[in-house]
Structures are given as C-alpha cells and as structure tokens.
C-alpha cells in the first residue's frame, strides 16, 4: 500500500468508503429508473460495503499479531501501535 496508508488510518478510511458507498446507493436509487439495473447496482454496492466492513474488523484483530493484510495486500504496522511489531 502507499506510504500514507497504515494500519491505524485504515479503519477510518474504510468507514469513509462505506459512507461514500451509502451516498452512491442513494444516488442509484434516485437516478436509475430501470428496476433490474437498480437492484443489481444496489446488491453490488451492498456487497462491497459488507466486504469493507469485514476487512475493517480483521484489521482490529491483526494489530495484535503484527500481520495485517487488506484484500491480500500487506499493511505496515507502526511501532507505536504495537511495540512488539517492527
């Protein structure tokens, strides 16, 4: 991941992404008129939001084990978050 992303900031970034997905879902409901397309888009947005929420809970657990991965990518844990990591 980028230098600006670490295990401490990821939960906040994920919450922000879930909020953005919620706004996107509202816009889809308001803007898309075809029912089938609307349902498919809402299901996809909901699945992505659920996936992000599950990854967020996994990040909280991995702070203790010093081995964090988000969607298969290694996340660095700063030494001040857990002195045993580093």
PDB file of N, CA and C in Angstrom:
ATOM      1  N   UNK A   1       0.845  -1.171   0.000  1.00  0.00           N
ATOM      2  CA  UNK A   1       0.000   0.000   0.000  1.00  0.00           C
ATOM      3  C   UNK A   1       0.890   1.233   0.000  1.00  0.00           C
ATOM      4  N   UNK A   2       0.287   2.379  -0.173  1.00  0.00           N
ATOM      5  CA  UNK A   2       1.037   3.625  -0.231  1.00  0.00           C
ATOM      6  C   UNK A   2       1.636   3.987   1.113  1.00  0.00           C
ATOM      7  N   UNK A   3       2.566   4.915   1.072  1.00  0.00           N
ATOM      8  CA  UNK A   3       3.234   5.359   2.301  1.00  0.00           C
ATOM      9  C   UNK A   3       2.247   6.031   3.261  1.00  0.00           C
ATOM     10  N   UNK A   4       1.222   6.657   2.745  1.00  0.00           N
ATOM     11  CA  UNK A   4       0.269   7.396   3.572  1.00  0.00           C
ATOM     12  C   UNK A   4      -0.742   6.486   4.255  1.00  0.00           C
ATOM     13  N   UNK A   5      -0.784   5.221   3.869  1.00  0.00           N
ATOM     14  CA  UNK A   5      -1.745   4.282   4.449  1.00  0.00           C
ATOM     15  C   UNK A   5      -1.029   3.393   5.448  1.00  0.00           C
ATOM     16  N   UNK A   6      -1.554   3.359   6.664  1.00  0.00           N
ATOM     17  CA  UNK A   6      -1.027   2.439   7.664  1.00  0.00           C
ATOM     18  C   UNK A   6      -2.201   1.794   8.394  1.00  0.00           C
ATOM     19  N   UNK A   7      -1.906   0.857   9.262  1.00  0.00           N
ATOM     20  CA  UNK A   7      -2.953   0.099   9.946  1.00  0.00           C
ATOM     21  C   UNK A   7      -3.807   0.977  10.849  1.00  0.00           C
ATOM     22  N   UNK A   8      -3.273   2.078  11.335  1.00  0.00           N
ATOM     23  CA  UNK A   8      -4.052   2.948  12.213  1.00  0.00           C
ATOM     24  C   UNK A   8      -5.064   3.786  11.437  1.00  0.00           C
ATOM     25  N   UNK A   9      -4.724   4.216  10.229  1.00  0.00           N
ATOM     26  CA  UNK A   9      -5.628   5.068   9.464  1.00  0.00           C
ATOM     27  C   UNK A   9      -6.619   4.277   8.620  1.00  0.00           C
ATOM     28  N   UNK A  10      -6.342   3.004   8.358  1.00  0.00           N
ATOM     29  CA  UNK A  10      -7.226   2.212   7.502  1.00  0.00           C
ATOM     30  C   UNK A  10      -8.656   2.082   8.021  1.00  0.00           C
ATOM     31  N   UNK A  11      -8.904   1.861   9.322  1.00  0.00           N
ATOM     32  CA  UNK A  11     -10.303   1.785   9.761  1.00  0.00           C
ATOM     33  C   UNK A  11     -11.085   3.060   9.450  1.00  0.00           C
ATOM     34  N   UNK A  12     -10.476   4.216   9.618  1.00  0.00           N
ATOM     35  CA  UNK A  12     -11.159   5.468   9.299  1.00  0.00           C
ATOM     36  C   UNK A  12     -11.386   5.609   7.802  1.00  0.00           C
ATOM     37  N   UNK A  13     -10.411   5.202   7.003  1.00  0.00           N
ATOM     38  CA  UNK A  13     -10.554   5.254   5.550  1.00  0.00           C
ATOM     39  C   UNK A  13     -11.679   4.323   5.102  1.00  0.00           C
ATOM     40  N   UNK A  14     -11.753   3.147   5.717  1.00  0.00           N
ATOM     41  CA  UNK A  14     -12.795   2.185   5.347  1.00  0.00           C
ATOM     42  C   UNK A  14     -14.180   2.718   5.720  1.00  0.00           C
ATOM     43  N   UNK A  15     -14.310   3.334   6.897  1.00  0.00           N
ATOM     44  CA  UNK A  15     -15.595   3.924   7.292  1.00  0.00           C
ATOM     45  C   UNK A  15     -15.986   5.008   6.291  1.00  0.00           C
ATOM     46  N   UNK A  16     -15.031   5.832   5.879  1.00  0.00           N
ATOM     47  CA  UNK A  16     -15.311   6.857   4.876  1.00  0.00           C
ATOM     48  C   UNK A  16     -15.771   6.256   3.562  1.00  0.00           C
ATOM     49  N   UNK A  17     -15.137   5.156   3.158  1.00  0.00           N
ATOM     50  CA  UNK A  17     -15.524   4.485   1.913  1.00  0.00           C
ATOM     51  C   UNK A  17     -16.935   3.909   2.024  1.00  0.00           C
ATOM     52  N   UNK A  18     -17.298   3.389   3.188  1.00  0.00           N
ATOM     53  CA  UNK A  18     -18.645   2.851   3.385  1.00  0.00           C
ATOM     54  C   UNK A  18     -19.677   3.971   3.315  1.00  0.00           C
ATOM     55  N   UNK A  19     -19.366   5.131   3.880  1.00  0.00           N
ATOM     56  CA  UNK A  19     -20.269   6.282   3.799  1.00  0.00           C
ATOM     57  C   UNK A  19     -20.450   6.709   2.342  1.00  0.00           C
ATOM     58  N   UNK A  20     -19.345   6.761   1.593  1.00  0.00           N
ATOM     59  CA  UNK A  20     -19.424   7.117   0.173  1.00  0.00           C
ATOM     60  C   UNK A  20     -20.283   6.104  -0.585  1.00  0.00           C
ATOM     61  N   UNK A  21     -20.145   4.825  -0.265  1.00  0.00           N
ATOM     62  CA  UNK A  21     -20.973   3.799  -0.899  1.00  0.00           C
ATOM     63  C   UNK A  21     -22.450   3.980  -0.547  1.00  0.00           C
ATOM     64  N   UNK A  22     -22.730   4.401   0.671  1.00  0.00           N
ATOM     65  CA  UNK A  22     -24.119   4.677   1.059  1.00  0.00           C
ATOM     66  C   UNK A  22     -24.711   5.819   0.255  1.00  0.00           C
ATOM     67  N   UNK A  23     -23.926   6.879   0.079  1.00  0.00           N
ATOM     68  CA  UNK A  23     -24.374   8.010  -0.735  1.00  0.00           C
ATOM     69  C   UNK A  23     -24.576   7.562  -2.182  1.00  0.00           C
ATOM     70  N   UNK A  24     -23.657   6.745  -2.683  1.00  0.00           N
ATOM     71  CA  UNK A  24     -23.789   6.217  -4.042  1.00  0.00           C
ATOM     72  C   UNK A  24     -25.049   5.378  -4.183  1.00  0.00           C
ATOM     73  N   UNK A  25     -25.367   4.583  -3.165  1.00  0.00           N
ATOM     74  CA  UNK A  25     -26.587   3.774  -3.209  1.00  0.00           C
ATOM     75  C   UNK A  25     -27.829   4.659  -3.270  1.00  0.00           C
ATOM     76  N   UNK A  26     -27.841   5.745  -2.510  1.00  0.00           N
ATOM     77  CA  UNK A  26     -28.973   6.684  -2.552  1.00  0.00           C
ATOM     78  C   UNK A  26     -29.080   7.311  -3.937  1.00  0.00           C
ATOM     79  N   UNK A  27     -27.950   7.703  -4.517  1.00  0.00           N
ATOM     80  CA  UNK A  27     -27.966   8.285  -5.857  1.00  0.00           C
ATOM     81  C   UNK A  27     -28.452   7.286  -6.896  1.00  0.00           C
ATOM     82  N   UNK A  28     -28.069   6.018  -6.760  1.00  0.00           N
ATOM     83  CA  UNK A  28     -28.549   4.985  -7.679  1.00  0.00           C
ATOM     84  C   UNK A  28     -30.061   4.831  -7.544  1.00  0.00           C
ATOM     85  N   UNK A  29     -30.547   4.789  -6.310  1.00  0.00           N
ATOM     86  CA  UNK A  29     -31.991   4.642  -6.090  1.00  0.00           C
ATOM     87  C   UNK A  29     -32.754   5.827  -6.679  1.00  0.00           C
ATOM     88  N   UNK A  30     -32.178   6.996  -6.599  1.00  0.00           N
ATOM     89  CA  UNK A  30     -32.842   8.198  -7.089  1.00  0.00           C
ATOM     90  C   UNK A  30     -32.711   8.344  -8.603  1.00  0.00           C
ATOM     91  N   UNK A  31     -31.556   8.003  -9.142  1.00  0.00           N
ATOM     92  CA  UNK A  31     -31.276   8.293 -10.537  1.00  0.00           C
ATOM     93  C   UNK A  31     -31.580   7.184 -11.522  1.00  0.00           C
ATOM     94  N   UNK A  32     -31.474   5.940 -11.115  1.00  0.00           N
ATOM     95  CA  UNK A  32     -31.664   4.823 -12.048  1.00  0.00           C
ATOM     96  C   UNK A  32     -33.142   4.439 -12.044  1.00  0.00           C
ATOM     97  N   UNK A  33     -33.725   4.416 -13.208  1.00  0.00           N
ATOM     98  CA  UNK A  33     -35.167   4.160 -13.318  1.00  0.00           C
ATOM     99  C   UNK A  33     -35.508   2.689 -13.561  1.00  0.00           C
ATOM    100  N   UNK A  34     -34.629   1.947 -14.209  1.00  0.00           N
ATOM    101  CA  UNK A  34     -34.925   0.546 -14.523  1.00  0.00           C
ATOM    102  C   UNK A  34     -34.732  -0.301 -13.273  1.00  0.00           C
ATOM    103  N   UNK A  35     -35.745  -1.026 -12.891  1.00  0.00           N
ATOM    104  CA  UNK A  35     -35.762  -1.770 -11.634  1.00  0.00           C
ATOM    105  C   UNK A  35     -34.662  -2.823 -11.560  1.00  0.00           C
ATOM    106  N   UNK A  36     -34.478  -3.603 -12.610  1.00  0.00           N
ATOM    107  CA  UNK A  36     -33.466  -4.658 -12.577  1.00  0.00           C
ATOM    108  C   UNK A  36     -32.065  -4.080 -12.433  1.00  0.00           C
ATOM    109  N   UNK A  37     -31.753  -3.044 -13.193  1.00  0.00           N
ATOM    110  CA  UNK A  37     -30.443  -2.395 -13.084  1.00  0.00           C
ATOM    111  C   UNK A  37     -30.258  -1.805 -11.692  1.00  0.00           C
ATOM    112  N   UNK A  38     -31.312  -1.200 -11.157  1.00  0.00           N
ATOM    113  CA  UNK A  38     -31.253  -0.625  -9.813  1.00  0.00           C
ATOM    114  C   UNK A  38     -30.938  -1.710  -8.785  1.00  0.00           C
ATOM    115  N   UNK A  39     -31.607  -2.850  -8.875  1.00  0.00           N
ATOM    116  CA  UNK A  39     -31.378  -3.938  -7.920  1.00  0.00           C
ATOM    117  C   UNK A  39     -29.957  -4.479  -8.021  1.00  0.00           C
ATOM    118  N   UNK A  40     -29.466  -4.674  -9.242  1.00  0.00           N
ATOM    119  CA  UNK A  40     -28.109  -5.195  -9.433  1.00  0.00           C
ATOM    120  C   UNK A  40     -27.085  -4.229  -8.846  1.00  0.00           C
ATOM    121  N   UNK A  41     -27.239  -2.942  -9.120  1.00  0.00           N
ATOM    122  CA  UNK A  41     -26.287  -1.960  -8.602  1.00  0.00           C
ATOM    123  C   UNK A  41     -26.332  -1.877  -7.077  1.00  0.00           C
ATOM    124  N   UNK A  42     -27.517  -1.905  -6.494  1.00  0.00           N
ATOM    125  CA  UNK A  42     -27.639  -1.855  -5.029  1.00  0.00           C
ATOM    126  C   UNK A  42     -27.022  -3.101  -4.401  1.00  0.00           C
ATOM    127  N   UNK A  43     -27.217  -4.270  -5.011  1.00  0.00           N
ATOM    128  CA  UNK A  43     -26.612  -5.503  -4.480  1.00  0.00           C
ATOM    129  C   UNK A  43     -25.089  -5.423  -4.552  1.00  0.00           C
ATOM    130  N   UNK A  44     -24.546  -4.925  -5.661  1.00  0.00           N
ATOM    131  CA  UNK A  44     -23.088  -4.786  -5.790  1.00  0.00           C
ATOM    132  C   UNK A  44     -22.523  -3.798  -4.769  1.00  0.00           C
ATOM    133  N   UNK A  45     -23.185  -2.670  -4.600  1.00  0.00           N
ATOM    134  CA  UNK A  45     -22.724  -1.680  -3.623  1.00  0.00           C
ATOM    135  C   UNK A  45     -22.804  -2.256  -2.213  1.00  0.00           C
ATOM    136  N   UNK A  46     -23.891  -2.962  -1.898  1.00  0.00           N
ATOM    137  CA  UNK A  46     -24.027  -3.584  -0.578  1.00  0.00           C
ATOM    138  C   UNK A  46     -22.958  -4.635  -0.322  1.00  0.00           C
ATOM    139  N   UNK A  47     -22.648  -5.423  -1.334  1.00  0.00           N
ATOM    140  CA  UNK A  47     -21.607  -6.450  -1.180  1.00  0.00           C
ATOM    141  C   UNK A  47     -20.244  -5.809  -0.935  1.00  0.00           C
ATOM    142  N   UNK A  48     -19.941  -4.739  -1.651  1.00  0.00           N
ATOM    143  CA  UNK A  48     -18.669  -4.046  -1.435  1.00  0.00           C
ATOM    144  C   UNK A  48     -18.609  -3.435  -0.038  1.00  0.00           C
ATOM    145  N   UNK A  49     -19.687  -2.834   0.410  1.00  0.00           N
ATOM    146  CA  UNK A  49     -19.723  -2.250   1.757  1.00  0.00           C
ATOM    147  C   UNK A  49     -19.550  -3.334   2.822  1.00  0.00           C
ATOM    148  N   UNK A  50     -20.212  -4.470   2.653  1.00  0.00           N
ATOM    149  CA  UNK A  50     -20.071  -5.573   3.620  1.00  0.00           C
ATOM    150  C   UNK A  50     -18.644  -6.098   3.625  1.00  0.00           C
ATOM    151  N   UNK A  51     -18.050  -6.200   2.458  1.00  0.00           N
ATOM    152  CA  UNK A  51     -16.664  -6.659   2.359  1.00  0.00           C
ATOM    153  C   UNK A  51     -15.721  -5.696   3.080  1.00  0.00           C
ATOM    154  N   UNK A  52     -15.925  -4.407   2.886  1.00  0.00           N
ATOM    155  CA  UNK A  52     -15.094  -3.410   3.580  1.00  0.00           C
ATOM    156  C   UNK A  52     -15.273  -3.509   5.092  1.00  0.00           C
ATOM    157  N   UNK A  53     -16.497  -3.722   5.551  1.00  0.00           N
ATOM    158  CA  UNK A  53     -16.751  -3.821   6.991  1.00  0.00           C
ATOM    159  C   UNK A  53     -16.035  -5.041   7.585  1.00  0.00           C
ATOM    160  N   UNK A  54     -16.055  -6.161   6.867  1.00  0.00           N
ATOM    161  CA  UNK A  54     -15.367  -7.361   7.340  1.00  0.00           C
ATOM    162  C   UNK A  54     -13.854  -7.144   7.371  1.00  0.00           C
ATOM    163  N   UNK A  55     -13.304  -6.479   6.365  1.00  0.00           N
ATOM    164  CA  UNK A  55     -11.870  -6.192   6.350  1.00  0.00           C
ATOM    165  C   UNK A  55     -11.504  -5.282   7.517  1.00  0.00           C
ATOM    166  N   UNK A  56     -12.376  -4.334   7.853  1.00  0.00           N
ATOM    167  CA  UNK A  56     -12.129  -3.424   8.965  1.00  0.00           C
ATOM    168  C   UNK A  56     -12.041  -4.188  10.280  1.00  0.00           C
ATOM    169  N   UNK A  57     -12.937  -5.136  10.495  1.00  0.00           N
ATOM    170  CA  UNK A  57     -12.899  -5.915  11.738  1.00  0.00           C
ATOM    171  C   UNK A  57     -11.651  -6.790  11.784  1.00  0.00           C
ATOM    172  N   UNK A  58     -11.206  -7.306  10.629  1.00  0.00           N
ATOM    173  CA  UNK A  58      -9.975  -8.093  10.595  1.00  0.00           C
ATOM    174  C   UNK A  58      -8.758  -7.237  10.944  1.00  0.00           C
ATOM    175  N   UNK A  59      -8.770  -5.979  10.552  1.00  0.00           N
ATOM    176  CA  UNK A  59      -7.646  -5.083  10.869  1.00  0.00           C
ATOM    177  C   UNK A  59      -7.497  -4.884  12.377  1.00  0.00           C
ATOM    178  N   UNK A  60      -8.605  -4.810  13.089  1.00  0.00           N
ATOM    179  CA  UNK A  60      -8.535  -4.636  14.533  1.00  0.00           C
ATOM    180  C   UNK A  60      -7.870  -5.830  15.195  1.00  0.00           C
ATOM    181  N   UNK A  61      -8.131  -7.021  14.692  1.00  0.00           N
ATOM    182  CA  UNK A  61      -7.530  -8.236  15.253  1.00  0.00           C
ATOM    183  C   UNK A  61      -6.051  -8.349  14.906  1.00  0.00           C
ATOM    184  N   UNK A  62      -5.687  -7.940  13.717  1.00  0.00           N
ATOM    185  CA  UNK A  62      -4.315  -8.177  13.279  1.00  0.00           C
ATOM    186  C   UNK A  62      -3.319  -7.192  13.886  1.00  0.00           C
ATOM    187  N   UNK A  63      -3.787  -6.150  14.531  1.00  0.00           N
ATOM    188  CA  UNK A  63      -2.873  -5.223  15.210  1.00  0.00           C
ATOM    189  C   UNK A  63      -2.095  -5.955  16.306  1.00  0.00           C
ATOM    190  N   UNK A  64      -2.707  -6.985  16.875  1.00  0.00           N
ATOM    191  CA  UNK A  64      -2.058  -7.743  17.938  1.00  0.00           C
ATOM    192  C   UNK A  64      -1.076  -8.775  17.389  1.00  0.00           C
ATOM    193  N   UNK A  65      -1.333  -9.284  16.214  1.00  0.00           N
ATOM    194  CA  UNK A  65      -0.495 -10.344  15.656  1.00  0.00           C
ATOM    195  C   UNK A  65       0.628  -9.812  14.772  1.00  0.00           C
ATOM    196  N   UNK A  66       0.608  -8.520  14.475  1.00  0.00           N
ATOM    197  CA  UNK A  66       1.629  -7.857  13.648  1.00  0.00           C
ATOM    198  C   UNK A  66       1.625  -8.343  12.206  1.00  0.00           C
ATOM    199  N   UNK A  67       0.561  -8.955  11.767  1.00  0.00           N
ATOM    200  CA  UNK A  67       0.475  -9.446  10.403  1.00  0.00           C
ATOM    201  C   UNK A  67      -0.858  -9.004   9.812  1.00  0.00           C
ATOM    202  N   UNK A  68      -0.873  -7.854   9.169  1.00  0.00           N
ATOM    203  CA  UNK A  68      -2.107  -7.300   8.624  1.00  0.00           C
ATOM    204  C   UNK A  68      -2.111  -7.373   7.105  1.00  0.00           C
ATOM    205  N   UNK A  69      -3.229  -7.849   6.580  1.00  0.00           N
ATOM    206  CA  UNK A  69      -3.424  -7.885   5.130  1.00  0.00           C
ATOM    207  C   UNK A  69      -4.818  -7.348   4.842  1.00  0.00           C
ATOM    208  N   UNK A  70      -4.912  -6.508   3.830  1.00  0.00           N
ATOM    209  CA  UNK A  70      -6.183  -5.964   3.393  1.00  0.00           C
ATOM    210  C   UNK A  70      -6.347  -6.311   1.930  1.00  0.00           C
ATOM    211  N   UNK A  71      -7.321  -7.149   1.628  1.00  0.00           N
ATOM    212  CA  UNK A  71      -7.536  -7.639   0.259  1.00  0.00           C
ATOM    213  C   UNK A  71      -6.260  -8.215  -0.334  1.00  0.00           C
ATOM    214  N   UNK A  72      -5.523  -8.957   0.475  1.00  0.00           N
ATOM    215  CA  UNK A  72      -4.323  -9.638   0.004  1.00  0.00           C
ATOM    216  C   UNK A  72      -3.065  -8.784  -0.013  1.00  0.00           C
ATOM    217  N   UNK A  73      -3.163  -7.530   0.372  1.00  0.00           N
ATOM    218  CA  UNK A  73      -2.005  -6.634   0.382  1.00  0.00           C
ATOM    219  C   UNK A  73      -1.523  -6.438   1.817  1.00  0.00           C
ATOM    220  N   UNK A  74      -0.215  -6.509   2.010  1.00  0.00           N
ATOM    221  CA  UNK A  74       0.382  -6.336   3.337  1.00  0.00           C
ATOM    222  C   UNK A  74       0.232  -4.890   3.799  1.00  0.00           C
ATOM    223  N   UNK A  75      -0.127  -4.704   5.070  1.00  0.00           N
ATOM    224  CA  UNK A  75      -0.272  -3.382   5.671  1.00  0.00           C
ATOM    225  C   UNK A  75       0.768  -3.263   6.771  1.00  0.00           C
ATOM    226  N   UNK A  76       1.553  -2.196   6.736  1.00  0.00           N
ATOM    227  CA  UNK A  76       2.593  -1.982   7.747  1.00  0.00           C
ATOM    228  C   UNK A  76       1.963  -1.523   9.050  1.00  0.00           C
ATOM    229  N   UNK A  77       2.460  -2.068  10.157  1.00  0.00           N
ATOM    230  CA  UNK A  77       2.002  -1.676  11.484  1.00  0.00           C
ATOM    231  C   UNK A  77       3.086  -0.835  12.125  1.00  0.00           C
ATOM    232  N   UNK A  78       2.787   0.428  12.475  1.00  0.00           N
ATOM    233  CA  UNK A  78       3.809   1.269  13.081  1.00  0.00           C
ATOM    234  C   UNK A  78       4.193   0.764  14.469  1.00  0.00           C
ATOM    235  N   UNK A  79       5.432   1.004  14.852  1.00  0.00           N
ATOM    236  CA  UNK A  79       5.939   0.519  16.141  1.00  0.00           C
ATOM    237  C   UNK A  79       5.184   1.128  17.316  1.00  0.00           C
ATOM    238  N   UNK A  80       4.682   2.356  17.174  1.00  0.00           N
ATOM    239  CA  UNK A  80       3.952   2.961  18.287  1.00  0.00           C
ATOM    240  C   UNK A  80       2.562   2.353  18.475  1.00  0.00           C
ATOM    241  N   UNK A  81       2.030   1.680  17.450  1.00  0.00           N
ATOM    242  CA  UNK A  81       0.735   1.000  17.575  1.00  0.00           C
ATOM    243  C   UNK A  81       0.877  -0.295  18.369  1.00  0.00           C
ATOM    244  N   UNK A  82       1.988  -0.985  18.164  1.00  0.00           N
ATOM    245  CA  UNK A  82       2.269  -2.212  18.896  1.00  0.00           C
ATOM    246  C   UNK A  82       3.784  -2.328  18.979  1.00  0.00           C
ATOM    247  N   UNK A  83       4.383  -2.104  20.166  1.00  0.00           N
ATOM    248  CA  UNK A  83       5.841  -2.152  20.289  1.00  0.00           C
ATOM    249  C   UNK A  83       6.457  -3.496  19.900  1.00  0.00           C
ATOM    250  N   UNK A  84       5.682  -4.560  19.908  1.00  0.00           N
ATOM    251  CA  UNK A  84       6.211  -5.874  19.522  1.00  0.00           C
ATOM    252  C   UNK A  84       6.380  -6.023  18.025  1.00  0.00           C
ATOM    253  N   UNK A  85       5.768  -5.118  17.263  1.00  0.00           N
ATOM    254  CA  UNK A  85       5.889  -5.153  15.794  1.00  0.00           C
ATOM    255  C   UNK A  85       7.075  -4.275  15.399  1.00  0.00           C
ATOM    256  N   UNK A  86       7.747  -4.678  14.419  1.00  0.00           N
ATOM    257  CA  UNK A  86       8.774  -3.767  13.942  1.00  0.00           C
ATOM    258  C   UNK A  86      10.008  -4.458  13.598  1.00  0.00           C
TER     259      UNK A  86
END
